[in-house]
C-alpha atoms as a PDB file:
ATOM      1  CA  UNK A   1      -9.315  35.288 -51.212  1.00  0.00           C
ATOM      2  CA  UNK A   2      -7.357  37.679 -49.069  1.00  0.00           C
ATOM      3  CA  UNK A   3      -5.091  36.477 -46.271  1.00  0.00           C
ATOM      4  CA  UNK A   4      -7.319  38.221 -43.739  1.00  0.00           C
ATOM      5  CA  UNK A   5     -10.352  36.190 -44.848  1.00  0.00           C
ATOM      6  CA  UNK A   6      -8.380  32.935 -44.684  1.00  0.00           C
ATOM      7  CA  UNK A   7      -7.113  33.713 -41.188  1.00  0.00           C
ATOM      8  CA  UNK A   8     -10.613  34.686 -40.066  1.00  0.00           C
ATOM      9  CA  UNK A   9     -12.071  31.459 -41.490  1.00  0.00           C
ATOM     10  CA  UNK A  10      -9.415  29.351 -39.742  1.00  0.00           C
ATOM     11  CA  UNK A  11     -10.082  31.177 -36.483  1.00  0.00           C
ATOM     12  CA  UNK A  12     -13.819  30.463 -36.695  1.00  0.00           C
ATOM     13  CA  UNK A  13     -13.191  26.800 -37.456  1.00  0.00           C
ATOM     14  CA  UNK A  14     -10.799  26.434 -34.518  1.00  0.00           C
ATOM     15  CA  UNK A  15     -13.174  27.952 -31.967  1.00  0.00           C
ATOM     16  CA  UNK A  16     -16.073  25.790 -33.201  1.00  0.00           C
ATOM     17  CA  UNK A  17     -14.333  22.503 -32.252  1.00  0.00           C
ATOM     18  CA  UNK A  18     -14.278  23.039 -28.452  1.00  0.00           C
ATOM     19  CA  UNK A  19     -17.902  24.166 -28.409  1.00  0.00           C
ATOM     20  CA  UNK A  20     -18.931  20.960 -30.176  1.00  0.00           C
ATOM     21  CA  UNK A  21     -16.944  18.779 -27.784  1.00  0.00           C
ATOM     22  CA  UNK A  22     -18.699  20.348 -24.789  1.00  0.00           C
ATOM     23  CA  UNK A  23     -22.047  18.970 -25.925  1.00  0.00           C
ATOM     24  CA  UNK A  24     -21.382  15.598 -24.317  1.00  0.00           C
ATOM     25  CA  UNK A  25     -22.770  14.477 -20.998  1.00  0.00           C
ATOM     26  CA  UNK A  26     -21.907  12.004 -18.293  1.00  0.00           C
ATOM     27  CA  UNK A  27     -23.914   9.687 -16.111  1.00  0.00           C
ATOM     28  CA  UNK A  28     -22.628   8.991 -12.638  1.00  0.00           C
ATOM     29  CA  UNK A  29     -24.020   7.570  -9.457  1.00  0.00           C
ATOM     30  CA  UNK A  30     -23.826   4.894  -6.817  1.00  0.00           C
ATOM     31  CA  UNK A  31     -25.264   1.388  -6.928  1.00  0.00           C
ATOM     32  CA  UNK A  32     -26.637   0.136  -3.603  1.00  0.00           C
ATOM     33  CA  UNK A  33     -28.903  -2.645  -2.380  1.00  0.00           C
ATOM     34  CA  UNK A  34     -32.116  -2.207  -0.401  1.00  0.00           C
ATOM     35  CA  UNK A  35     -30.043  -1.861   2.796  1.00  0.00           C
ATOM     36  CA  UNK A  36     -28.128   1.059   1.203  1.00  0.00           C
ATOM     37  CA  UNK A  37     -24.922  -1.014   1.080  1.00  0.00           C
ATOM     38  CA  UNK A  38     -22.717  -0.584  -2.016  1.00  0.00           C
ATOM     39  CA  UNK A  39     -22.672  -3.279  -4.677  1.00  0.00           C
ATOM     40  CA  UNK A  40     -19.036  -3.413  -5.833  1.00  0.00           C
ATOM     41  CA  UNK A  41     -18.435  -4.742  -9.339  1.00  0.00           C
ATOM     42  CA  UNK A  42     -21.962  -4.056 -10.602  1.00  0.00           C
ATOM     43  CA  UNK A  43     -22.067  -3.534 -14.371  1.00  0.00           C
ATOM     44  CA  UNK A  44     -23.835  -0.453 -15.725  1.00  0.00           C
ATOM     45  CA  UNK A  45     -24.652  -0.299 -19.454  1.00  0.00           C
ATOM     46  CA  UNK A  46     -26.355   2.324 -21.608  1.00  0.00           C
ATOM     47  CA  UNK A  47     -28.474   0.280 -24.018  1.00  0.00           C
ATOM     48  CA  UNK A  48     -28.596   2.969 -26.716  1.00  0.00           C
ATOM     49  CA  UNK A  49     -24.786   3.162 -26.836  1.00  0.00           C
ATOM     50  CA  UNK A  50     -21.879   0.774 -26.481  1.00  0.00           C
ATOM     51  CA  UNK A  51     -20.722   2.513 -23.322  1.00  0.00           C
ATOM     52  CA  UNK A  52     -20.699   1.149 -19.834  1.00  0.00           C
ATOM     53  CA  UNK A  53     -18.879   1.090 -16.525  1.00  0.00           C
ATOM     54  CA  UNK A  54     -18.186  -1.086 -13.547  1.00  0.00           C
ATOM     55  CA  UNK A  55     -18.952   0.086 -10.005  1.00  0.00           C
ATOM     56  CA  UNK A  56     -15.942   0.514  -7.726  1.00  0.00           C
ATOM     57  CA  UNK A  57     -15.670  -1.030  -4.258  1.00  0.00           C
ATOM     58  CA  UNK A  58     -17.903   1.733  -2.866  1.00  0.00           C
ATOM     59  CA  UNK A  59     -20.540   1.290  -5.603  1.00  0.00           C
ATOM     60  CA  UNK A  60     -19.677   4.489  -7.501  1.00  0.00           C
ATOM     61  CA  UNK A  61     -19.520   4.626 -11.311  1.00  0.00           C
ATOM     62  CA  UNK A  62     -19.173   7.204 -14.091  1.00  0.00           C
ATOM     63  CA  UNK A  63     -19.844   6.971 -17.830  1.00  0.00           C
ATOM     64  CA  UNK A  64     -18.519   9.947 -19.814  1.00  0.00           C
ATOM     65  CA  UNK A  65     -18.754  11.125 -23.400  1.00  0.00           C
ATOM     66  CA  UNK A  66     -22.394  10.347 -24.096  1.00  0.00           C
ATOM     67  CA  UNK A  67     -24.820  12.459 -26.061  1.00  0.00           C
ATOM     68  CA  UNK A  68     -27.646  14.307 -24.340  1.00  0.00           C
ATOM     69  CA  UNK A  69     -31.005  12.595 -24.513  1.00  0.00           C
ATOM     70  CA  UNK A  70     -32.888   9.658 -23.087  1.00  0.00           C
ATOM     71  CA  UNK A  71     -30.929   6.466 -22.482  1.00  0.00           C
ATOM     72  CA  UNK A  72     -31.984   3.161 -20.996  1.00  0.00           C
ATOM     73  CA  UNK A  73     -29.694   2.108 -18.157  1.00  0.00           C
ATOM     74  CA  UNK A  74     -29.203  -1.595 -17.413  1.00  0.00           C
ATOM     75  CA  UNK A  75     -27.590  -2.590 -14.121  1.00  0.00           C
ATOM     76  CA  UNK A  76     -26.532  -6.137 -13.336  1.00  0.00           C
ATOM     77  CA  UNK A  77     -24.590  -7.828 -10.572  1.00  0.00           C
ATOM     78  CA  UNK A  78     -24.009 -11.378  -9.423  1.00  0.00           C
ATOM     79  CA  UNK A  79     -26.674 -12.355  -6.896  1.00  0.00           C
ATOM     80  CA  UNK A  80     -29.084  -9.575  -7.943  1.00  0.00           C
ATOM     81  CA  UNK A  81     -31.865  -9.384 -10.494  1.00  0.00           C
ATOM     82  CA  UNK A  82     -31.046  -7.197 -13.520  1.00  0.00           C
END
């Protein structure tokens, strides 16, 4: 194989890695009660993955690096029904 073909093959392989990594999504939001007050420390889990997050003091959370598709979200907090 010529050096040109090897270089071209390596180039194609290198540019394919970033495009694959961009096919991940994130879920973010804010957890509040019925009075629209934040629920700090609420736990958010994606049942189809092993990923989760904890809400900050303002109720905001973010879960990154998940695949596109349908996921079941489970939210729990002390004093609230899951």
